[in-house]
PDB file of N, CA and C in Angstrom:
ATOM      1  N   UNK A   1       0.705  -1.053   0.090  1.00  0.00           N
ATOM      2  CA  UNK A   1       0.070  -0.005  -0.269  1.00  0.00           C
ATOM      3  C   UNK A   1       1.083   1.335   0.073  1.00  0.00           C
ATOM      4  N   UNK A   2       0.500   1.930  -0.888  1.00  0.00           N
ATOM      5  CA  UNK A   2       1.422   3.414  -1.020  1.00  0.00           C
ATOM      6  C   UNK A   2       0.924   4.320   0.211  1.00  0.00           C
ATOM      7  N   UNK A   3       1.980   5.213   0.033  1.00  0.00           N
ATOM      8  CA  UNK A   3       1.692   6.355   1.409  1.00  0.00           C
ATOM      9  C   UNK A   3       0.587   7.426   0.975  1.00  0.00           C
ATOM     10  N   UNK A   4      -0.539   7.894   1.506  1.00  0.00           N
ATOM     11  CA  UNK A   4      -1.260   8.593   0.997  1.00  0.00           C
ATOM     12  C   UNK A   4      -0.879  10.074   1.350  1.00  0.00           C
ATOM     13  N   UNK A   5      -0.726  10.863   0.272  1.00  0.00           N
ATOM     14  CA  UNK A   5      -0.177  12.091   0.207  1.00  0.00           C
ATOM     15  C   UNK A   5      -1.827  13.274   0.297  1.00  0.00           C
ATOM     16  N   UNK A   6      -1.513  14.123   1.307  1.00  0.00           N
ATOM     17  CA  UNK A   6      -2.441  15.054   1.423  1.00  0.00           C
ATOM     18  C   UNK A   6      -2.199  16.414   1.498  1.00  0.00           C
ATOM     19  N   UNK A   7      -2.937  17.352   1.223  1.00  0.00           N
ATOM     20  CA  UNK A   7      -3.054  18.951   1.350  1.00  0.00           C
ATOM     21  C   UNK A   7      -2.914  19.558   2.554  1.00  0.00           C
ATOM     22  N   UNK A   8      -2.024  19.870   3.383  1.00  0.00           N
ATOM     23  CA  UNK A   8      -2.298  20.527   4.336  1.00  0.00           C
ATOM     24  C   UNK A   8      -2.131  21.997   4.702  1.00  0.00           C
ATOM     25  N   UNK A   9      -3.026  22.590   5.467  1.00  0.00           N
ATOM     26  CA  UNK A   9      -2.636  23.964   5.487  1.00  0.00           C
ATOM     27  C   UNK A   9      -1.265  24.214   6.243  1.00  0.00           C
ATOM     28  N   UNK A  10      -0.659  24.921   5.379  1.00  0.00           N
ATOM     29  CA  UNK A  10       0.657  25.424   6.050  1.00  0.00           C
ATOM     30  C   UNK A  10       0.610  26.131   7.675  1.00  0.00           C
ATOM     31  N   UNK A  11       0.038  26.784   7.625  1.00  0.00           N
ATOM     32  CA  UNK A  11      -0.095  27.394   9.160  1.00  0.00           C
ATOM     33  C   UNK A  11      -0.442  26.310  10.620  1.00  0.00           C
ATOM     34  N   UNK A  12      -0.955  25.330   9.935  1.00  0.00           N
ATOM     35  CA  UNK A  12      -1.154  24.083  10.918  1.00  0.00           C
ATOM     36  C   UNK A  12       0.107  23.236  11.117  1.00  0.00           C
ATOM     37  N   UNK A  13       1.172  23.563  10.528  1.00  0.00           N
ATOM     38  CA  UNK A  13       2.628  22.667  10.438  1.00  0.00           C
ATOM     39  C   UNK A  13       3.689  23.573  11.149  1.00  0.00           C
ATOM     40  N   UNK A  14       4.013  22.878  12.020  1.00  0.00           N
ATOM     41  CA  UNK A  14       5.338  23.538  13.026  1.00  0.00           C
ATOM     42  C   UNK A  14       6.468  23.115  12.599  1.00  0.00           C
ATOM     43  N   UNK A  15       7.431  23.814  12.247  1.00  0.00           N
ATOM     44  CA  UNK A  15       9.009  23.339  12.209  1.00  0.00           C
ATOM     45  C   UNK A  15       9.608  22.470  13.307  1.00  0.00           C
ATOM     46  N   UNK A  16      10.626  21.665  13.396  1.00  0.00           N
ATOM     47  CA  UNK A  16      11.220  20.884  14.160  1.00  0.00           C
ATOM     48  C   UNK A  16      12.349  21.628  15.139  1.00  0.00           C
ATOM     49  N   UNK A  17      12.605  22.464  14.324  1.00  0.00           N
ATOM     50  CA  UNK A  17      13.786  23.658  14.822  1.00  0.00           C
ATOM     51  C   UNK A  17      15.320  23.245  15.012  1.00  0.00           C
ATOM     52  N   UNK A  18      15.244  21.890  14.575  1.00  0.00           N
ATOM     53  CA  UNK A  18      16.701  21.157  14.660  1.00  0.00           C
ATOM     54  C   UNK A  18      17.499  21.125  13.459  1.00  0.00           C
ATOM     55  N   UNK A  19      17.324  21.759  12.605  1.00  0.00           N
ATOM     56  CA  UNK A  19      17.850  22.018  11.103  1.00  0.00           C
ATOM     57  C   UNK A  19      18.869  23.097  11.067  1.00  0.00           C
ATOM     58  N   UNK A  20      19.792  22.735  10.298  1.00  0.00           N
ATOM     59  CA  UNK A  20      20.437  24.189  10.276  1.00  0.00           C
ATOM     60  C   UNK A  20      20.623  23.944   8.451  1.00  0.00           C
ATOM     61  N   UNK A  21      20.339  25.336   8.190  1.00  0.00           N
ATOM     62  CA  UNK A  21      20.174  25.618   6.646  1.00  0.00           C
ATOM     63  C   UNK A  21      20.463  27.241   6.320  1.00  0.00           C
ATOM     64  N   UNK A  22      21.009  27.489   5.146  1.00  0.00           N
ATOM     65  CA  UNK A  22      21.136  28.741   4.828  1.00  0.00           C
ATOM     66  C   UNK A  22      20.170  29.170   3.689  1.00  0.00           C
ATOM     67  N   UNK A  23      20.175  30.666   3.929  1.00  0.00           N
ATOM     68  CA  UNK A  23      18.938  31.044   3.374  1.00  0.00           C
ATOM     69  C   UNK A  23      19.362  30.805   1.506  1.00  0.00           C
ATOM     70  N   UNK A  24      20.449  30.876   0.840  1.00  0.00           N
ATOM     71  CA  UNK A  24      20.583  30.478  -0.351  1.00  0.00           C
ATOM     72  C   UNK A  24      19.974  29.032  -0.455  1.00  0.00           C
ATOM     73  N   UNK A  25      19.990  27.972   0.344  1.00  0.00           N
ATOM     74  CA  UNK A  25      19.585  26.736   0.373  1.00  0.00           C
ATOM     75  C   UNK A  25      17.847  27.010  -0.087  1.00  0.00           C
ATOM     76  N   UNK A  26      17.452  27.581   1.038  1.00  0.00           N
ATOM     77  CA  UNK A  26      15.986  27.872   0.952  1.00  0.00           C
ATOM     78  C   UNK A  26      15.774  28.407  -0.441  1.00  0.00           C
ATOM     79  N   UNK A  27      16.219  29.746  -0.796  1.00  0.00           N
ATOM     80  CA  UNK A  27      16.170  29.966  -2.241  1.00  0.00           C
ATOM     81  C   UNK A  27      15.869  29.345  -3.473  1.00  0.00           C
ATOM     82  N   UNK A  28      16.973  28.436  -3.099  1.00  0.00           N
ATOM     83  CA  UNK A  28      17.256  27.635  -4.550  1.00  0.00           C
ATOM     84  C   UNK A  28      16.151  26.357  -4.183  1.00  0.00           C
ATOM     85  N   UNK A  29      15.475  26.170  -3.598  1.00  0.00           N
ATOM     86  CA  UNK A  29      14.387  25.330  -3.096  1.00  0.00           C
ATOM     87  C   UNK A  29      12.982  25.936  -3.712  1.00  0.00           C
ATOM     88  N   UNK A  30      12.868  26.931  -3.553  1.00  0.00           N
ATOM     89  CA  UNK A  30      12.014  28.203  -3.610  1.00  0.00           C
ATOM     90  C   UNK A  30      11.844  28.451  -5.326  1.00  0.00           C
ATOM     91  N   UNK A  31      12.776  28.571  -6.196  1.00  0.00           N
ATOM     92  CA  UNK A  31      13.020  28.567  -7.198  1.00  0.00           C
ATOM     93  C   UNK A  31      12.450  27.032  -7.794  1.00  0.00           C
ATOM     94  N   UNK A  32      12.846  26.147  -7.466  1.00  0.00           N
ATOM     95  CA  UNK A  32      12.640  25.312  -7.868  1.00  0.00           C
ATOM     96  C   UNK A  32      11.130  24.744  -7.946  1.00  0.00           C
ATOM     97  N   UNK A  33      10.457  24.966  -6.516  1.00  0.00           N
ATOM     98  CA  UNK A  33       8.899  25.293  -6.276  1.00  0.00           C
ATOM     99  C   UNK A  33       8.462  25.884  -7.300  1.00  0.00           C
ATOM    100  N   UNK A  34       8.838  27.127  -7.579  1.00  0.00           N
ATOM    101  CA  UNK A  34       8.098  27.910  -8.331  1.00  0.00           C
ATOM    102  C   UNK A  34       8.036  27.487  -9.820  1.00  0.00           C
ATOM    103  N   UNK A  35       9.143  27.010 -10.000  1.00  0.00           N
ATOM    104  CA  UNK A  35       8.992  26.543 -11.944  1.00  0.00           C
ATOM    105  C   UNK A  35       8.315  25.181 -11.836  1.00  0.00           C
ATOM    106  N   UNK A  36       8.480  24.228 -10.922  1.00  0.00           N
ATOM    107  CA  UNK A  36       8.183  22.959 -11.076  1.00  0.00           C
ATOM    108  C   UNK A  36       6.898  22.476 -10.276  1.00  0.00           C
ATOM    109  N   UNK A  37       6.638  23.396  -9.194  1.00  0.00           N
ATOM    110  CA  UNK A  37       5.438  22.769  -8.207  1.00  0.00           C
ATOM    111  C   UNK A  37       6.355  21.814  -7.329  1.00  0.00           C
ATOM    112  N   UNK A  38       5.878  21.724  -6.388  1.00  0.00           N
ATOM    113  CA  UNK A  38       6.266  20.680  -5.252  1.00  0.00           C
ATOM    114  C   UNK A  38       6.357  19.271  -5.588  1.00  0.00           C
ATOM    115  N   UNK A  39       7.131  18.991  -5.550  1.00  0.00           N
ATOM    116  CA  UNK A  39       7.872  17.651  -6.222  1.00  0.00           C
ATOM    117  C   UNK A  39       7.452  16.190  -5.248  1.00  0.00           C
ATOM    118  N   UNK A  40       8.057  16.769  -4.093  1.00  0.00           N
ATOM    119  CA  UNK A  40       8.158  15.905  -2.981  1.00  0.00           C
ATOM    120  C   UNK A  40       7.238  16.108  -1.699  1.00  0.00           C
ATOM    121  N   UNK A  41       6.338  15.465  -1.278  1.00  0.00           N
ATOM    122  CA  UNK A  41       5.519  15.903  -0.288  1.00  0.00           C
ATOM    123  C   UNK A  41       6.813  15.975   0.900  1.00  0.00           C
ATOM    124  N   UNK A  42       6.302  16.246   2.293  1.00  0.00           N
ATOM    125  CA  UNK A  42       7.187  16.458   3.192  1.00  0.00           C
ATOM    126  C   UNK A  42       6.447  15.412   4.343  1.00  0.00           C
ATOM    127  N   UNK A  43       7.071  14.941   5.318  1.00  0.00           N
ATOM    128  CA  UNK A  43       6.768  14.056   6.247  1.00  0.00           C
ATOM    129  C   UNK A  43       6.199  14.767   7.518  1.00  0.00           C
ATOM    130  N   UNK A  44       4.988  14.621   8.182  1.00  0.00           N
ATOM    131  CA  UNK A  44       4.618  15.344   9.330  1.00  0.00           C
ATOM    132  C   UNK A  44       4.222  14.210  10.446  1.00  0.00           C
ATOM    133  N   UNK A  45       3.971  14.667  11.696  1.00  0.00           N
ATOM    134  CA  UNK A  45       3.008  13.584  12.417  1.00  0.00           C
ATOM    135  C   UNK A  45       2.315  14.713  13.152  1.00  0.00           C
ATOM    136  N   UNK A  46       1.415  14.249  13.587  1.00  0.00           N
ATOM    137  CA  UNK A  46       0.217  14.875  14.515  1.00  0.00           C
ATOM    138  C   UNK A  46       1.004  14.953  15.970  1.00  0.00           C
ATOM    139  N   UNK A  47       0.471  16.433  16.737  1.00  0.00           N
ATOM    140  CA  UNK A  47       1.067  16.495  17.649  1.00  0.00           C
ATOM    141  C   UNK A  47       0.087  17.547  18.354  1.00  0.00           C
ATOM    142  N   UNK A  48      -0.366  16.994  19.369  1.00  0.00           N
ATOM    143  CA  UNK A  48      -1.436  18.061  20.423  1.00  0.00           C
ATOM    144  C   UNK A  48      -2.531  18.568  19.149  1.00  0.00           C
ATOM    145  N   UNK A  49      -2.842  20.044  18.705  1.00  0.00           N
ATOM    146  CA  UNK A  49      -3.316  20.257  18.140  1.00  0.00           C
ATOM    147  C   UNK A  49      -3.018  20.955  16.732  1.00  0.00           C
ATOM    148  N   UNK A  50      -1.545  20.554  16.494  1.00  0.00           N
ATOM    149  CA  UNK A  50      -0.870  20.648  14.946  1.00  0.00           C
ATOM    150  C   UNK A  50      -0.117  19.783  14.511  1.00  0.00           C
ATOM    151  N   UNK A  51       0.477  19.960  13.665  1.00  0.00           N
ATOM    152  CA  UNK A  51       1.513  18.817  13.066  1.00  0.00           C
ATOM    153  C   UNK A  51       3.182  19.244  13.264  1.00  0.00           C
ATOM    154  N   UNK A  52       3.924  18.411  13.317  1.00  0.00           N
ATOM    155  CA  UNK A  52       5.235  18.904  13.352  1.00  0.00           C
ATOM    156  C   UNK A  52       6.038  18.159  12.516  1.00  0.00           C
ATOM    157  N   UNK A  53       6.790  18.569  11.661  1.00  0.00           N
ATOM    158  CA  UNK A  53       7.845  18.516  10.848  1.00  0.00           C
ATOM    159  C   UNK A  53       8.730  17.211  11.151  1.00  0.00           C
ATOM    160  N   UNK A  54       8.754  16.063  10.457  1.00  0.00           N
ATOM    161  CA  UNK A  54       9.470  15.058  10.581  1.00  0.00           C
ATOM    162  C   UNK A  54      10.635  14.923   9.574  1.00  0.00           C
ATOM    163  N   UNK A  55      10.347  15.291   8.459  1.00  0.00           N
ATOM    164  CA  UNK A  55      11.002  15.738   7.208  1.00  0.00           C
ATOM    165  C   UNK A  55      10.801  16.415   6.046  1.00  0.00           C
ATOM    166  N   UNK A  56      11.578  17.434   5.629  1.00  0.00           N
ATOM    167  CA  UNK A  56      10.917  18.676   4.624  1.00  0.00           C
ATOM    168  C   UNK A  56      10.890  19.921   5.240  1.00  0.00           C
ATOM    169  N   UNK A  57      11.774  20.211   6.194  1.00  0.00           N
ATOM    170  CA  UNK A  57      11.507  21.405   6.809  1.00  0.00           C
ATOM    171  C   UNK A  57      11.974  22.744   5.977  1.00  0.00           C
ATOM    172  N   UNK A  58      12.720  22.474   5.183  1.00  0.00           N
ATOM    173  CA  UNK A  58      13.619  23.191   3.886  1.00  0.00           C
ATOM    174  C   UNK A  58      12.284  23.329   2.826  1.00  0.00           C
ATOM    175  N   UNK A  59      11.554  22.990   2.536  1.00  0.00           N
ATOM    176  CA  UNK A  59      10.848  22.497   1.509  1.00  0.00           C
ATOM    177  C   UNK A  59       9.517  23.286   1.999  1.00  0.00           C
ATOM    178  N   UNK A  60       9.217  22.900   3.544  1.00  0.00           N
ATOM    179  CA  UNK A  60       8.127  23.753   4.078  1.00  0.00           C
ATOM    180  C   UNK A  60       8.651  25.186   4.164  1.00  0.00           C
ATOM    181  N   UNK A  61       9.671  25.567   4.560  1.00  0.00           N
ATOM    182  CA  UNK A  61       9.884  27.133   4.609  1.00  0.00           C
ATOM    183  C   UNK A  61       9.920  27.871   3.210  1.00  0.00           C
ATOM    184  N   UNK A  62      10.310  27.231   2.364  1.00  0.00           N
ATOM    185  CA  UNK A  62      10.393  27.409   0.888  1.00  0.00           C
ATOM    186  C   UNK A  62       8.770  27.587   0.474  1.00  0.00           C
ATOM    187  N   UNK A  63       8.061  26.680   0.847  1.00  0.00           N
ATOM    188  CA  UNK A  63       6.559  27.185   0.070  1.00  0.00           C
ATOM    189  C   UNK A  63       6.234  27.996   1.041  1.00  0.00           C
ATOM    190  N   UNK A  64       6.349  28.234   2.521  1.00  0.00           N
ATOM    191  CA  UNK A  64       5.894  29.325   3.200  1.00  0.00           C
ATOM    192  C   UNK A  64       6.214  30.838   2.677  1.00  0.00           C
ATOM    193  N   UNK A  65       7.389  30.776   2.609  1.00  0.00           N
ATOM    194  CA  UNK A  65       8.323  32.035   1.726  1.00  0.00           C
ATOM    195  C   UNK A  65       7.279  32.455   0.633  1.00  0.00           C
ATOM    196  N   UNK A  66       7.023  31.418  -0.221  1.00  0.00           N
ATOM    197  CA  UNK A  66       6.551  31.553  -1.666  1.00  0.00           C
ATOM    198  C   UNK A  66       4.837  32.077  -1.326  1.00  0.00           C
ATOM    199  N   UNK A  67       4.385  32.067  -0.007  1.00  0.00           N
ATOM    200  CA  UNK A  67       2.941  32.478   0.041  1.00  0.00           C
ATOM    201  C   UNK A  67       1.788  31.333  -0.223  1.00  0.00           C
ATOM    202  N   UNK A  68       2.483  30.285  -0.060  1.00  0.00           N
ATOM    203  CA  UNK A  68       1.309  29.073  -0.528  1.00  0.00           C
ATOM    204  C   UNK A  68       0.556  28.723   0.975  1.00  0.00           C
ATOM    205  N   UNK A  69      -0.731  28.463   0.863  1.00  0.00           N
ATOM    206  CA  UNK A  69      -1.650  28.248   1.549  1.00  0.00           C
ATOM    207  C   UNK A  69      -1.400  26.803   2.182  1.00  0.00           C
ATOM    208  N   UNK A  70      -1.155  25.671   1.378  1.00  0.00           N
ATOM    209  CA  UNK A  70      -1.007  24.283   1.596  1.00  0.00           C
ATOM    210  C   UNK A  70       0.353  23.911   0.878  1.00  0.00           C
ATOM    211  N   UNK A  71       0.544  22.654   1.676  1.00  0.00           N
ATOM    212  CA  UNK A  71       1.539  21.640   1.193  1.00  0.00           C
ATOM    213  C   UNK A  71       1.236  20.284   0.995  1.00  0.00           C
ATOM    214  N   UNK A  72       1.773  19.788   0.153  1.00  0.00           N
ATOM    215  CA  UNK A  72       1.653  18.229  -0.005  1.00  0.00           C
ATOM    216  C   UNK A  72       2.617  17.749   1.015  1.00  0.00           C
ATOM    217  N   UNK A  73       1.729  16.690   1.965  1.00  0.00           N
ATOM    218  CA  UNK A  73       2.390  15.986   3.144  1.00  0.00           C
ATOM    219  C   UNK A  73       2.094  14.632   3.245  1.00  0.00           C
ATOM    220  N   UNK A  74       2.778  13.716   3.932  1.00  0.00           N
ATOM    221  CA  UNK A  74       2.333  12.490   4.362  1.00  0.00           C
ATOM    222  C   UNK A  74       2.131  12.324   5.764  1.00  0.00           C
ATOM    223  N   UNK A  75       1.228  11.971   6.276  1.00  0.00           N
ATOM    224  CA  UNK A  75       1.024  12.092   7.913  1.00  0.00           C
ATOM    225  C   UNK A  75       1.490  10.337   8.135  1.00  0.00           C
ATOM    226  N   UNK A  76       2.636  10.696   9.006  1.00  0.00           N
ATOM    227  CA  UNK A  76       3.373   9.594   9.847  1.00  0.00           C
ATOM    228  C   UNK A  76       2.683   9.047  10.861  1.00  0.00           C
TER     229      UNK A  76
END
């Protein structure tokens, strides 16, 4: 059985805050998402009343900076 990809509102997702990244890295991901769309879902888990990112924080930050309302995600 494959993973179910859902559209989740970005405002309901919170970063894990353990990742180190540069703004250039986020800008590169932004350019890619802007030109091709979000190709890979992020992975999240439900924590209390919101979701926490397991994998894909840079993609989430890029989508957020692009002003997107939702993001493709797999709930683990």
